C-alpha atoms as a PDB file:
ATOM      1  CA  UNK A   1      45.126 -37.189 -95.087  1.00  0.00           C
ATOM      2  CA  UNK A   2      41.420 -36.927 -93.746  1.00  0.00           C
ATOM      3  CA  UNK A   3      40.780 -37.179 -90.013  1.00  0.00           C
ATOM      4  CA  UNK A   4      39.938 -41.088 -89.459  1.00  0.00           C
ATOM      5  CA  UNK A   5      36.637 -42.373 -88.418  1.00  0.00           C
ATOM      6  CA  UNK A   6      36.132 -42.373 -84.504  1.00  0.00           C
ATOM      7  CA  UNK A   7      36.378 -45.424 -82.654  1.00  0.00           C
ATOM      8  CA  UNK A   8      34.650 -44.293 -79.208  1.00  0.00           C
ATOM      9  CA  UNK A   9      33.743 -41.123 -77.523  1.00  0.00           C
ATOM     10  CA  UNK A  10      37.042 -39.622 -77.111  1.00  0.00           C
ATOM     11  CA  UNK A  11      38.145 -40.048 -80.771  1.00  0.00           C
ATOM     12  CA  UNK A  12      34.913 -38.469 -81.654  1.00  0.00           C
ATOM     13  CA  UNK A  13      35.042 -35.752 -79.580  1.00  0.00           C
ATOM     14  CA  UNK A  14      38.766 -34.910 -80.504  1.00  0.00           C
ATOM     15  CA  UNK A  15      38.040 -34.890 -84.257  1.00  0.00           C
ATOM     16  CA  UNK A  16      34.917 -32.948 -83.903  1.00  0.00           C
ATOM     17  CA  UNK A  17      37.051 -30.131 -82.022  1.00  0.00           C
ATOM     18  CA  UNK A  18      39.982 -30.349 -84.530  1.00  0.00           C
ATOM     19  CA  UNK A  19      37.604 -29.703 -87.570  1.00  0.00           C
ATOM     20  CA  UNK A  20      35.303 -27.364 -85.893  1.00  0.00           C
ATOM     21  CA  UNK A  21      36.669 -25.337 -83.101  1.00  0.00           C
ATOM     22  CA  UNK A  22      39.695 -23.225 -82.257  1.00  0.00           C
ATOM     23  CA  UNK A  23      40.126 -24.759 -78.745  1.00  0.00           C
ATOM     24  CA  UNK A  24      39.374 -28.031 -77.060  1.00  0.00           C
ATOM     25  CA  UNK A  25      35.883 -28.341 -75.648  1.00  0.00           C
ATOM     26  CA  UNK A  26      35.650 -28.927 -71.562  1.00  0.00           C
ATOM     27  CA  UNK A  27      33.526 -32.141 -72.484  1.00  0.00           C
ATOM     28  CA  UNK A  28      36.695 -33.479 -74.735  1.00  0.00           C
ATOM     29  CA  UNK A  29      39.108 -32.883 -71.865  1.00  0.00           C
ATOM     30  CA  UNK A  30      36.853 -34.695 -69.179  1.00  0.00           C
ATOM     31  CA  UNK A  31      36.199 -37.678 -71.605  1.00  0.00           C
ATOM     32  CA  UNK A  32      40.260 -37.580 -72.109  1.00  0.00           C
ATOM     33  CA  UNK A  33      40.709 -37.696 -68.299  1.00  0.00           C
ATOM     34  CA  UNK A  34      38.134 -40.560 -67.929  1.00  0.00           C
ATOM     35  CA  UNK A  35      39.699 -42.419 -70.574  1.00  0.00           C
ATOM     36  CA  UNK A  36      42.967 -42.194 -68.907  1.00  0.00           C
ATOM     37  CA  UNK A  37      41.874 -42.863 -65.691  1.00  0.00           C
ATOM     38  CA  UNK A  38      41.438 -46.964 -66.767  1.00  0.00           C
ATOM     39  CA  UNK A  39      43.764 -48.591 -64.916  1.00  0.00           C
ATOM     40  CA  UNK A  40      44.896 -51.173 -67.965  1.00  0.00           C
ATOM     41  CA  UNK A  41      44.333 -52.238 -71.454  1.00  0.00           C
ATOM     42  CA  UNK A  42      45.687 -48.858 -73.049  1.00  0.00           C
ATOM     43  CA  UNK A  43      47.524 -50.920 -75.854  1.00  0.00           C
ATOM     44  CA  UNK A  44      44.451 -52.463 -77.064  1.00  0.00           C
ATOM     45  CA  UNK A  45      42.040 -49.677 -76.450  1.00  0.00           C
ATOM     46  CA  UNK A  46      40.878 -48.590 -80.105  1.00  0.00           C
ATOM     47  CA  UNK A  47      39.561 -45.049 -78.871  1.00  0.00           C
ATOM     48  CA  UNK A  48      42.409 -44.053 -76.992  1.00  0.00           C
ATOM     49  CA  UNK A  49      45.361 -45.437 -79.382  1.00  0.00           C
ATOM     50  CA  UNK A  50      43.643 -43.542 -82.220  1.00  0.00           C
ATOM     51  CA  UNK A  51      43.131 -40.298 -80.157  1.00  0.00           C
ATOM     52  CA  UNK A  52      46.914 -40.492 -79.362  1.00  0.00           C
ATOM     53  CA  UNK A  53      47.836 -41.260 -82.842  1.00  0.00           C
ATOM     54  CA  UNK A  54      45.771 -38.194 -84.026  1.00  0.00           C
ATOM     55  CA  UNK A  55      47.422 -35.886 -81.736  1.00  0.00           C
ATOM     56  CA  UNK A  56      50.955 -37.246 -82.708  1.00  0.00           C
ATOM     57  CA  UNK A  57      49.972 -36.769 -86.444  1.00  0.00           C
ATOM     58  CA  UNK A  58      49.770 -33.133 -85.909  1.00  0.00           C
ATOM     59  CA  UNK A  59      53.533 -33.363 -85.724  1.00  0.00           C
ATOM     60  CA  UNK A  60      54.095 -35.181 -88.943  1.00  0.00           C
ATOM     61  CA  UNK A  61      51.806 -34.266 -91.912  1.00  0.00           C
ATOM     62  CA  UNK A  62      48.669 -33.228 -90.286  1.00  0.00           C
ATOM     63  CA  UNK A  63      44.954 -33.349 -91.370  1.00  0.00           C
ATOM     64  CA  UNK A  64      42.742 -32.005 -94.225  1.00  0.00           C
ATOM     65  CA  UNK A  65      40.724 -29.106 -92.801  1.00  0.00           C
ATOM     66  CA  UNK A  66      42.370 -29.080 -89.344  1.00  0.00           C
ATOM     67  CA  UNK A  67      44.370 -25.788 -88.679  1.00  0.00           C
ATOM     68  CA  UNK A  68      47.867 -26.113 -88.083  1.00  0.00           C
ATOM     69  CA  UNK A  69      47.745 -23.933 -85.103  1.00  0.00           C
ATOM     70  CA  UNK A  70      46.545 -27.211 -83.399  1.00  0.00           C
ATOM     71  CA  UNK A  71      50.072 -28.608 -83.343  1.00  0.00           C
ATOM     72  CA  UNK A  72      51.200 -26.694 -79.955  1.00  0.00           C
ATOM     73  CA  UNK A  73      47.917 -25.984 -78.742  1.00  0.00           C
ATOM     74  CA  UNK A  74      48.294 -26.259 -74.628  1.00  0.00           C
ATOM     75  CA  UNK A  75      45.008 -27.584 -74.141  1.00  0.00           C
ATOM     76  CA  UNK A  76      45.976 -30.570 -76.619  1.00  0.00           C
ATOM     77  CA  UNK A  77      48.975 -31.034 -75.188  1.00  0.00           C
ATOM     78  CA  UNK A  78      47.310 -31.574 -71.938  1.00  0.00           C
ATOM     79  CA  UNK A  79      45.034 -34.273 -73.434  1.00  0.00           C
ATOM     80  CA  UNK A  80      48.007 -35.862 -74.825  1.00  0.00           C
ATOM     81  CA  UNK A  81      49.900 -36.296 -71.801  1.00  0.00           C
ATOM     82  CA  UNK A  82      47.035 -37.773 -70.031  1.00  0.00           C
ATOM     83  CA  UNK A  83      46.855 -40.659 -72.673  1.00  0.00           C
ATOM     84  CA  UNK A  84      50.604 -40.699 -72.924  1.00  0.00           C
ATOM     85  CA  UNK A  85      50.584 -41.630 -68.985  1.00  0.00           C
ATOM     86  CA  UNK A  86      48.297 -44.447 -69.236  1.00  0.00           C
ATOM     87  CA  UNK A  87      49.963 -45.879 -72.470  1.00  0.00           C
ATOM     88  CA  UNK A  88      53.323 -45.748 -70.886  1.00  0.00           C
ATOM     89  CA  UNK A  89      52.053 -47.470 -67.653  1.00  0.00           C
ATOM     90  CA  UNK A  90      50.517 -50.375 -69.822  1.00  0.00           C
ATOM     91  CA  UNK A  91      53.782 -50.660 -71.631  1.00  0.00           C
ATOM     92  CA  UNK A  92      55.796 -51.023 -68.362  1.00  0.00           C
ATOM     93  CA  UNK A  93      53.294 -53.609 -67.303  1.00  0.00           C
ATOM     94  CA  UNK A  94      53.897 -55.435 -70.654  1.00  0.00           C
ATOM     95  CA  UNK A  95      57.526 -55.199 -70.507  1.00  0.00           C
ATOM     96  CA  UNK A  96      58.054 -55.634 -66.709  1.00  0.00           C
ATOM     97  CA  UNK A  97      61.579 -54.645 -64.905  1.00  0.00           C
ATOM     98  CA  UNK A  98      64.731 -54.075 -66.982  1.00  0.00           C
ATOM     99  CA  UNK A  99      67.905 -55.064 -65.370  1.00  0.00           C
ATOM    100  CA  UNK A 100      70.942 -53.321 -66.575  1.00  0.00           C
ATOM    101  CA  UNK A 101      74.471 -55.705 -66.275  1.00  0.00           C
ATOM    102  CA  UNK A 102      77.952 -54.570 -66.638  1.00  0.00           C
ATOM    103  CA  UNK A 103      78.049 -55.857 -70.079  1.00  0.00           C
ATOM    104  CA  UNK A 104      78.584 -53.741 -73.261  1.00  0.00           C
ATOM    105  CA  UNK A 105      74.892 -52.186 -73.910  1.00  0.00           C
ATOM    106  CA  UNK A 106      75.103 -54.016 -77.227  1.00  0.00           C
ATOM    107  CA  UNK A 107      75.348 -57.391 -75.799  1.00  0.00           C
ATOM    108  CA  UNK A 108      72.605 -56.329 -73.376  1.00  0.00           C
ATOM    109  CA  UNK A 109      70.327 -55.542 -76.142  1.00  0.00           C
ATOM    110  CA  UNK A 110      71.112 -59.204 -77.941  1.00  0.00           C
ATOM    111  CA  UNK A 111      70.408 -61.045 -74.677  1.00  0.00           C
ATOM    112  CA  UNK A 112      66.960 -59.017 -74.796  1.00  0.00           C
ATOM    113  CA  UNK A 113      66.401 -60.317 -78.233  1.00  0.00           C
ATOM    114  CA  UNK A 114      67.445 -63.803 -77.794  1.00  0.00           C
ATOM    115  CA  UNK A 115      65.217 -63.983 -74.589  1.00  0.00           C
ATOM    116  CA  UNK A 116      62.088 -62.705 -76.677  1.00  0.00           C
ATOM    117  CA  UNK A 117      59.648 -65.513 -77.044  1.00  0.00           C
ATOM    118  CA  UNK A 118      56.879 -63.849 -79.298  1.00  0.00           C
ATOM    119  CA  UNK A 119      55.586 -65.976 -82.068  1.00  0.00           C
ATOM    120  CA  UNK A 120      57.308 -65.613 -85.496  1.00  0.00           C
ATOM    121  CA  UNK A 121      54.867 -63.702 -87.645  1.00  0.00           C
ATOM    122  CA  UNK A 122      57.227 -63.930 -90.622  1.00  0.00           C
ATOM    123  CA  UNK A 123      57.852 -67.532 -90.531  1.00  0.00           C
ATOM    124  CA  UNK A 124      54.002 -67.891 -90.870  1.00  0.00           C
ATOM    125  CA  UNK A 125      53.858 -65.446 -93.849  1.00  0.00           C
ATOM    126  CA  UNK A 126      56.661 -67.210 -95.547  1.00  0.00           C
ATOM    127  CA  UNK A 127      55.111 -70.449 -95.345  1.00  0.00           C
ATOM    128  CA  UNK A 128      51.426 -70.143 -95.161  1.00  0.00           C
ATOM    129  CA  UNK A 129      50.088 -66.559 -95.333  1.00  0.00           C
ATOM    130  CA  UNK A 130      47.295 -66.169 -97.918  1.00  0.00           C
ATOM    131  CA  UNK A 131      46.973 -63.450-100.260  1.00  0.00           C
ATOM    132  CA  UNK A 132      44.186 -62.024 -97.804  1.00  0.00           C
ATOM    133  CA  UNK A 133      46.428 -62.254 -94.981  1.00  0.00           C
ATOM    134  CA  UNK A 134      49.188 -60.618 -96.644  1.00  0.00           C
ATOM    135  CA  UNK A 135      46.718 -57.677 -97.393  1.00  0.00           C
ATOM    136  CA  UNK A 136      45.544 -57.585 -93.752  1.00  0.00           C
ATOM    137  CA  UNK A 137      49.392 -57.952 -92.418  1.00  0.00           C
ATOM    138  CA  UNK A 138      50.175 -54.819 -94.930  1.00  0.00           C
ATOM    139  CA  UNK A 139      47.196 -52.770 -93.771  1.00  0.00           C
ATOM    140  CA  UNK A 140      48.462 -52.660 -90.076  1.00  0.00           C
ATOM    141  CA  UNK A 141      52.140 -52.178 -90.980  1.00  0.00           C
ATOM    142  CA  UNK A 142      51.141 -49.191 -93.332  1.00  0.00           C
ATOM    143  CA  UNK A 143      50.504 -47.048 -90.234  1.00  0.00           C
ATOM    144  CA  UNK A 144      54.282 -47.134 -89.673  1.00  0.00           C
ATOM    145  CA  UNK A 145      55.865 -47.887 -93.000  1.00  0.00           C
ATOM    146  CA  UNK A 146      54.264 -45.009 -94.718  1.00  0.00           C
ATOM    147  CA  UNK A 147      56.165 -42.990 -92.333  1.00  0.00           C
ATOM    148  CA  UNK A 148      59.172 -45.162 -92.000  1.00  0.00           C
ATOM    149  CA  UNK A 149      62.114 -43.763 -89.869  1.00  0.00           C
ATOM    150  CA  UNK A 150      59.915 -40.457 -88.980  1.00  0.00           C
ATOM    151  CA  UNK A 151      59.526 -41.273 -85.351  1.00  0.00           C
ATOM    152  CA  UNK A 152      63.015 -41.917 -84.767  1.00  0.00           C
ATOM    153  CA  UNK A 153      64.211 -38.867 -86.563  1.00  0.00           C
ATOM    154  CA  UNK A 154      62.635 -36.607 -84.154  1.00  0.00           C
ATOM    155  CA  UNK A 155      65.581 -37.866 -81.682  1.00  0.00           C
ATOM    156  CA  UNK A 156      68.459 -36.660 -83.940  1.00  0.00           C
ATOM    157  CA  UNK A 157      68.544 -32.982 -82.558  1.00  0.00           C
ATOM    158  CA  UNK A 158      68.606 -34.351 -78.831  1.00  0.00           C
ATOM    159  CA  UNK A 159      71.766 -36.017 -79.722  1.00  0.00           C
ATOM    160  CA  UNK A 160      75.518 -35.243 -80.154  1.00  0.00           C
ATOM    161  CA  UNK A 161      79.077 -36.494 -81.348  1.00  0.00           C
ATOM    162  CA  UNK A 162      79.266 -39.939 -82.480  1.00  0.00           C
ATOM    163  CA  UNK A 163      76.015 -41.012 -81.356  1.00  0.00           C
ATOM    164  CA  UNK A 164      74.278 -38.534 -83.494  1.00  0.00           C
ATOM    165  CA  UNK A 165      76.463 -39.054 -86.532  1.00  0.00           C
ATOM    166  CA  UNK A 166      75.619 -42.819 -86.391  1.00  0.00           C
ATOM    167  CA  UNK A 167      71.944 -42.386 -86.178  1.00  0.00           C
ATOM    168  CA  UNK A 168      72.260 -39.988 -89.078  1.00  0.00           C
ATOM    169  CA  UNK A 169      73.975 -42.754 -90.894  1.00  0.00           C
ATOM    170  CA  UNK A 170      70.927 -45.170 -90.424  1.00  0.00           C
ATOM    171  CA  UNK A 171      68.298 -42.673 -91.172  1.00  0.00           C
ATOM    172  CA  UNK A 172      70.017 -41.574 -94.422  1.00  0.00           C
ATOM    173  CA  UNK A 173      69.504 -44.916 -95.621  1.00  0.00           C
ATOM    174  CA  UNK A 174      66.089 -45.137 -94.546  1.00  0.00           C
ATOM    175  CA  UNK A 175      65.341 -42.199 -96.723  1.00  0.00           C
ATOM    176  CA  UNK A 176      66.930 -43.560 -99.780  1.00  0.00           C
ATOM    177  CA  UNK A 177      70.348 -41.943 -99.687  1.00  0.00           C
ATOM    178  CA  UNK A 178      69.025 -38.971-101.114  1.00  0.00           C
ATOM    179  CA  UNK A 179      66.778 -40.732-103.879  1.00  0.00           C
ATOM    180  CA  UNK A 180      63.159 -40.430-103.242  1.00  0.00           C
ATOM    181  CA  UNK A 181      62.313 -43.341-105.144  1.00  0.00           C
ATOM    182  CA  UNK A 182      64.336 -45.492-102.952  1.00  0.00           C
ATOM    183  CA  UNK A 183      63.002 -44.031 -99.579  1.00  0.00           C
ATOM    184  CA  UNK A 184      61.743 -47.167 -97.598  1.00  0.00           C
ATOM    185  CA  UNK A 185      58.229 -45.414 -97.335  1.00  0.00           C
ATOM    186  CA  UNK A 186      58.048 -45.119-100.952  1.00  0.00           C
ATOM    187  CA  UNK A 187      59.365 -48.639-101.444  1.00  0.00           C
ATOM    188  CA  UNK A 188      56.532 -49.917 -99.169  1.00  0.00           C
ATOM    189  CA  UNK A 189      53.861 -47.737-100.955  1.00  0.00           C
ATOM    190  CA  UNK A 190      54.943 -49.772-104.434  1.00  0.00           C
ATOM    191  CA  UNK A 191      54.263 -53.091-102.420  1.00  0.00           C
ATOM    192  CA  UNK A 192      50.714 -51.738-101.043  1.00  0.00           C
ATOM    193  CA  UNK A 193      49.867 -50.929-104.678  1.00  0.00           C
ATOM    194  CA  UNK A 194      51.076 -54.396-105.964  1.00  0.00           C
ATOM    195  CA  UNK A 195      48.739 -56.112-103.752  1.00  0.00           C
ATOM    196  CA  UNK A 196      45.714 -53.891-104.639  1.00  0.00           C
ATOM    197  CA  UNK A 197      45.701 -51.811-101.546  1.00  0.00           C
ATOM    198  CA  UNK A 198      45.430 -47.938-101.130  1.00  0.00           C
ATOM    199  CA  UNK A 199      48.945 -46.568-101.007  1.00  0.00           C
ATOM    200  CA  UNK A 200      47.723 -43.195 -99.971  1.00  0.00           C
ATOM    201  CA  UNK A 201      49.430 -41.888 -96.687  1.00  0.00           C
ATOM    202  CA  UNK A 202      47.003 -42.745 -93.907  1.00  0.00           C
ATOM    203  CA  UNK A 203      44.744 -44.211 -96.480  1.00  0.00           C
ATOM    204  CA  UNK A 204      44.350 -47.527 -94.355  1.00  0.00           C
ATOM    205  CA  UNK A 205      43.813 -45.926 -90.867  1.00  0.00           C
ATOM    206  CA  UNK A 206      40.106 -46.658 -90.540  1.00  0.00           C
ATOM    207  CA  UNK A 207      40.890 -50.542 -91.380  1.00  0.00           C
ATOM    208  CA  UNK A 208      44.206 -50.879 -89.009  1.00  0.00           C
ATOM    209  CA  UNK A 209      43.583 -52.275 -85.314  1.00  0.00           C
ATOM    210  CA  UNK A 210      44.631 -50.928 -82.239  1.00  0.00           C
ATOM    211  CA  UNK A 211      47.984 -52.968 -82.307  1.00  0.00           C
ATOM    212  CA  UNK A 212      49.264 -50.735 -85.119  1.00  0.00           C
ATOM    213  CA  UNK A 213      48.487 -47.564 -83.586  1.00  0.00           C
ATOM    214  CA  UNK A 214      50.390 -48.580 -80.338  1.00  0.00           C
ATOM    215  CA  UNK A 215      53.360 -49.570 -81.967  1.00  0.00           C
ATOM    216  CA  UNK A 216      53.699 -46.237 -83.856  1.00  0.00           C
ATOM    217  CA  UNK A 217      52.370 -44.204 -80.924  1.00  0.00           C
ATOM    218  CA  UNK A 218      55.241 -45.976 -78.758  1.00  0.00           C
ATOM    219  CA  UNK A 219      58.002 -44.693 -81.145  1.00  0.00           C
ATOM    220  CA  UNK A 220      56.429 -41.106 -81.310  1.00  0.00           C
ATOM    221  CA  UNK A 221      56.260 -41.010 -77.621  1.00  0.00           C
ATOM    222  CA  UNK A 222      60.291 -41.713 -77.343  1.00  0.00           C
ATOM    223  CA  UNK A 223      61.068 -39.568 -80.342  1.00  0.00           C
ATOM    224  CA  UNK A 224      58.920 -36.497 -79.246  1.00  0.00           C
ATOM    225  CA  UNK A 225      60.152 -36.473 -75.658  1.00  0.00           C
ATOM    226  CA  UNK A 226      64.039 -35.569 -74.891  1.00  0.00           C
ATOM    227  CA  UNK A 227      63.564 -37.497 -71.751  1.00  0.00           C
ATOM    228  CA  UNK A 228      63.056 -40.589 -73.721  1.00  0.00           C
ATOM    229  CA  UNK A 229      66.029 -40.145 -76.266  1.00  0.00           C
ATOM    230  CA  UNK A 230      67.658 -43.198 -74.753  1.00  0.00           C
ATOM    231  CA  UNK A 231      64.523 -45.222 -75.393  1.00  0.00           C
ATOM    232  CA  UNK A 232      64.228 -44.182 -78.948  1.00  0.00           C
ATOM    233  CA  UNK A 233      67.579 -45.342 -79.502  1.00  0.00           C
ATOM    234  CA  UNK A 234      67.217 -48.560 -78.241  1.00  0.00           C
ATOM    235  CA  UNK A 235      63.902 -48.930 -79.939  1.00  0.00           C
ATOM    236  CA  UNK A 236      65.593 -48.210 -83.304  1.00  0.00           C
ATOM    237  CA  UNK A 237      68.428 -50.492 -82.518  1.00  0.00           C
ATOM    238  CA  UNK A 238      65.887 -53.462 -81.756  1.00  0.00           C
ATOM    239  CA  UNK A 239      64.535 -52.707 -84.882  1.00  0.00           C
ATOM    240  CA  UNK A 240      67.559 -52.759 -87.015  1.00  0.00           C
ATOM    241  CA  UNK A 241      69.000 -55.878 -85.194  1.00  0.00           C
ATOM    242  CA  UNK A 242      65.721 -58.122 -85.804  1.00  0.00           C
ATOM    243  CA  UNK A 243      64.658 -57.168 -89.370  1.00  0.00           C
ATOM    244  CA  UNK A 244      67.255 -58.697 -91.507  1.00  0.00           C
ATOM    245  CA  UNK A 245      66.395 -62.279 -91.189  1.00  0.00           C
ATOM    246  CA  UNK A 246      62.322 -61.667 -91.052  1.00  0.00           C
ATOM    247  CA  UNK A 247      62.681 -59.471 -93.933  1.00  0.00           C
ATOM    248  CA  UNK A 248      64.140 -62.391 -95.984  1.00  0.00           C
ATOM    249  CA  UNK A 249      61.206 -64.440 -94.718  1.00  0.00           C
ATOM    250  CA  UNK A 250      58.689 -61.979 -96.027  1.00  0.00           C
ATOM    251  CA  UNK A 251      60.175 -61.709 -99.320  1.00  0.00           C
ATOM    252  CA  UNK A 252      60.252 -65.565 -99.495  1.00  0.00           C
ATOM    253  CA  UNK A 253      56.383 -65.217 -98.670  1.00  0.00           C
ATOM    254  CA  UNK A 254      55.685 -62.873-101.344  1.00  0.00           C
ATOM    255  CA  UNK A 255      57.948 -64.724-103.985  1.00  0.00           C
ATOM    256  CA  UNK A 256      55.663 -68.044-103.030  1.00  0.00           C
ATOM    257  CA  UNK A 257      52.655 -66.257-103.895  1.00  0.00           C
ATOM    258  CA  UNK A 258      54.051 -65.257-107.356  1.00  0.00           C
ATOM    259  CA  UNK A 259      55.462 -61.939-106.671  1.00  0.00           C
ATOM    260  CA  UNK A 260      58.761 -60.822-108.169  1.00  0.00           C
ATOM    261  CA  UNK A 261      61.747 -58.590-107.169  1.00  0.00           C
ATOM    262  CA  UNK A 262      59.662 -55.304-108.206  1.00  0.00           C
ATOM    263  CA  UNK A 263      57.290 -56.244-105.346  1.00  0.00           C
ATOM    264  CA  UNK A 264      59.990 -57.705-102.934  1.00  0.00           C
ATOM    265  CA  UNK A 265      62.268 -54.900-103.454  1.00  0.00           C
ATOM    266  CA  UNK A 266      60.828 -53.141 -99.897  1.00  0.00           C
ATOM    267  CA  UNK A 267      61.926 -56.654 -97.890  1.00  0.00           C
ATOM    268  CA  UNK A 268      65.115 -57.173-100.017  1.00  0.00           C
ATOM    269  CA  UNK A 269      66.294 -53.689 -99.320  1.00  0.00           C
ATOM    270  CA  UNK A 270      65.888 -54.252 -95.441  1.00  0.00           C
ATOM    271  CA  UNK A 271      67.782 -57.776 -95.905  1.00  0.00           C
ATOM    272  CA  UNK A 272      70.870 -55.803 -96.943  1.00  0.00           C
ATOM    273  CA  UNK A 273      70.661 -52.373 -95.201  1.00  0.00           C
ATOM    274  CA  UNK A 274      69.644 -53.844 -91.670  1.00  0.00           C
ATOM    275  CA  UNK A 275      72.346 -56.226 -91.761  1.00  0.00           C
ATOM    276  CA  UNK A 276      74.654 -53.322 -92.007  1.00  0.00           C
ATOM    277  CA  UNK A 277      72.941 -51.146 -89.792  1.00  0.00           C
ATOM    278  CA  UNK A 278      73.051 -53.759 -86.837  1.00  0.00           C
ATOM    279  CA  UNK A 279      76.232 -52.745 -85.491  1.00  0.00           C
ATOM    280  CA  UNK A 280      76.158 -49.153 -86.231  1.00  0.00           C
ATOM    281  CA  UNK A 281      73.054 -49.068 -84.218  1.00  0.00           C
ATOM    282  CA  UNK A 282      74.003 -51.360 -81.391  1.00  0.00           C
ATOM    283  CA  UNK A 283      78.036 -50.465 -80.779  1.00  0.00           C
ATOM    284  CA  UNK A 284      78.293 -46.781 -82.469  1.00  0.00           C
ATOM    285  CA  UNK A 285      74.862 -45.301 -81.523  1.00  0.00           C
ATOM    286  CA  UNK A 286      73.956 -46.997 -78.332  1.00  0.00           C
ATOM    287  CA  UNK A 287      77.501 -47.743 -77.346  1.00  0.00           C
ATOM    288  CA  UNK A 288      78.554 -44.191 -77.557  1.00  0.00           C
ATOM    289  CA  UNK A 289      75.402 -42.856 -76.080  1.00  0.00           C
ATOM    290  CA  UNK A 290      75.683 -45.030 -72.886  1.00  0.00           C
ATOM    291  CA  UNK A 291      79.506 -44.372 -72.717  1.00  0.00           C
ATOM    292  CA  UNK A 292      78.678 -40.549 -72.601  1.00  0.00           C
ATOM    293  CA  UNK A 293      75.370 -40.738 -70.311  1.00  0.00           C
ATOM    294  CA  UNK A 294      75.632 -44.112 -68.658  1.00  0.00           C
ATOM    295  CA  UNK A 295      72.665 -43.234 -66.759  1.00  0.00           C
ATOM    296  CA  UNK A 296      70.482 -43.741 -70.066  1.00  0.00           C
ATOM    297  CA  UNK A 297      71.299 -47.440 -70.163  1.00  0.00           C
ATOM    298  CA  UNK A 298      67.941 -48.495 -68.527  1.00  0.00           C
ATOM    299  CA  UNK A 299      66.101 -46.324 -71.139  1.00  0.00           C
ATOM    300  CA  UNK A 300      68.036 -47.850 -74.118  1.00  0.00           C
ATOM    301  CA  UNK A 301      66.993 -51.301 -72.947  1.00  0.00           C
ATOM    302  CA  UNK A 302      63.338 -50.116 -72.199  1.00  0.00           C
ATOM    303  CA  UNK A 303      63.247 -49.000 -75.740  1.00  0.00           C
ATOM    304  CA  UNK A 304      64.569 -52.067 -77.188  1.00  0.00           C
ATOM    305  CA  UNK A 305      61.998 -54.194 -74.994  1.00  0.00           C
ATOM    306  CA  UNK A 306      59.335 -51.964 -76.129  1.00  0.00           C
ATOM    307  CA  UNK A 307      60.204 -52.544 -79.836  1.00  0.00           C
ATOM    308  CA  UNK A 308      59.942 -56.561 -79.160  1.00  0.00           C
ATOM    309  CA  UNK A 309      56.922 -56.084 -77.156  1.00  0.00           C
ATOM    310  CA  UNK A 310      55.094 -54.221 -79.801  1.00  0.00           C
ATOM    311  CA  UNK A 311      56.165 -56.605 -82.593  1.00  0.00           C
ATOM    312  CA  UNK A 312      54.742 -59.388 -80.304  1.00  0.00           C
ATOM    313  CA  UNK A 313      51.575 -57.736 -79.835  1.00  0.00           C
ATOM    314  CA  UNK A 314      50.827 -57.282 -83.380  1.00  0.00           C
ATOM    315  CA  UNK A 315      51.884 -60.751 -84.405  1.00  0.00           C
ATOM    316  CA  UNK A 316      49.739 -62.246 -81.471  1.00  0.00           C
ATOM    317  CA  UNK A 317      46.755 -60.208 -82.942  1.00  0.00           C
ATOM    318  CA  UNK A 318      47.157 -61.108 -86.544  1.00  0.00           C
ATOM    319  CA  UNK A 319      47.740 -64.930 -85.630  1.00  0.00           C
ATOM    320  CA  UNK A 320      45.069 -65.305 -83.066  1.00  0.00           C
ATOM    321  CA  UNK A 321      42.659 -63.821 -85.246  1.00  0.00           C
ATOM    322  CA  UNK A 322      43.465 -66.155 -88.207  1.00  0.00           C
ATOM    323  CA  UNK A 323      43.793 -69.074 -86.219  1.00  0.00           C
ATOM    324  CA  UNK A 324      39.694 -68.542 -85.415  1.00  0.00           C
ATOM    325  CA  UNK A 325      39.077 -67.943 -88.993  1.00  0.00           C
ATOM    326  CA  UNK A 326      38.584 -64.026 -88.319  1.00  0.00           C
ATOM    327  CA  UNK A 327      39.943 -61.092 -90.032  1.00  0.00           C
ATOM    328  CA  UNK A 328      42.327 -58.894 -88.054  1.00  0.00           C
ATOM    329  CA  UNK A 329      41.139 -55.850 -89.409  1.00  0.00           C
ATOM    330  CA  UNK A 330      38.412 -53.571 -88.126  1.00  0.00           C
ATOM    331  CA  UNK A 331      36.363 -53.410 -91.243  1.00  0.00           C
ATOM    332  CA  UNK A 332      35.411 -56.405 -93.770  1.00  0.00           C
ATOM    333  CA  UNK A 333      39.035 -57.220 -95.765  1.00  0.00           C
ATOM    334  CA  UNK A 334      37.180 -56.624 -98.973  1.00  0.00           C
ATOM    335  CA  UNK A 335      36.857 -53.080 -97.971  1.00  0.00           C
ATOM    336  CA  UNK A 336      40.550 -52.851 -97.214  1.00  0.00           C
ATOM    337  CA  UNK A 337      41.650 -54.207-100.622  1.00  0.00           C
END
């Protein structure tokens, strides 16, 4: 993967340092501090979200012409931490207070899901999404789905016992149960190719809006910090509990446009797998975690709420653009295709 095009002074300075220097320049660190000091708007800040995604990507597959020594560079970690603080503050403002009740944690997550009032993007795509809108939607989702499951997997070494076993069971299915061809990331790559989009890892980053990076950055933040292991599990549980029926609708939308099961297999797989995963994630995984560490209940709920909030952010971005006849991408949609 090549370094993406910069979207502001911070991502520009960061990319130049990563590609040409052995340490971050003082000016880059100062720029990061200025960006991190802005009181609000982090989740829609293209420059901040791309910079944070670049810092996280060094823990995934890295970048062409960027030394692997950068992954644990102390100055880069300092820069990342400053951006993470602003990201987390904005996330907390968006979600609001999370209240823990005496009910089992699976019921509390269910209550959060039932209270969510985000627009239904899957219903729109099922009934009226055009081919170009589908390409835009998939471009946004490619930032996550081409590394599907990886952010949550970072949390596995932080767990033990029944909690760990439950999460491994879920993640094993995400990775195709041992079959590379059935990995969800590979099924999504096939979907991109069928819709004439570049399926290369990270190939569509330049077109994807800030909402795409804010979603994945939230997952990476939870997964890479032991402190937020509860939130990582709550986030994963919400994903598993809310994707089966939307996946059925997405599959229906593609069939409406004339695509068959070769193309819809990515969503068809999620209809089946996530219906099974729902109880494993909410009861076995989150339930056992909270039973062993009840002080993490609030973090589990915060992670679940973050999953719902990020989905809502992406849906509002896409639908808001389409309602006014605009592309939801950063570049001309023809370039994305």
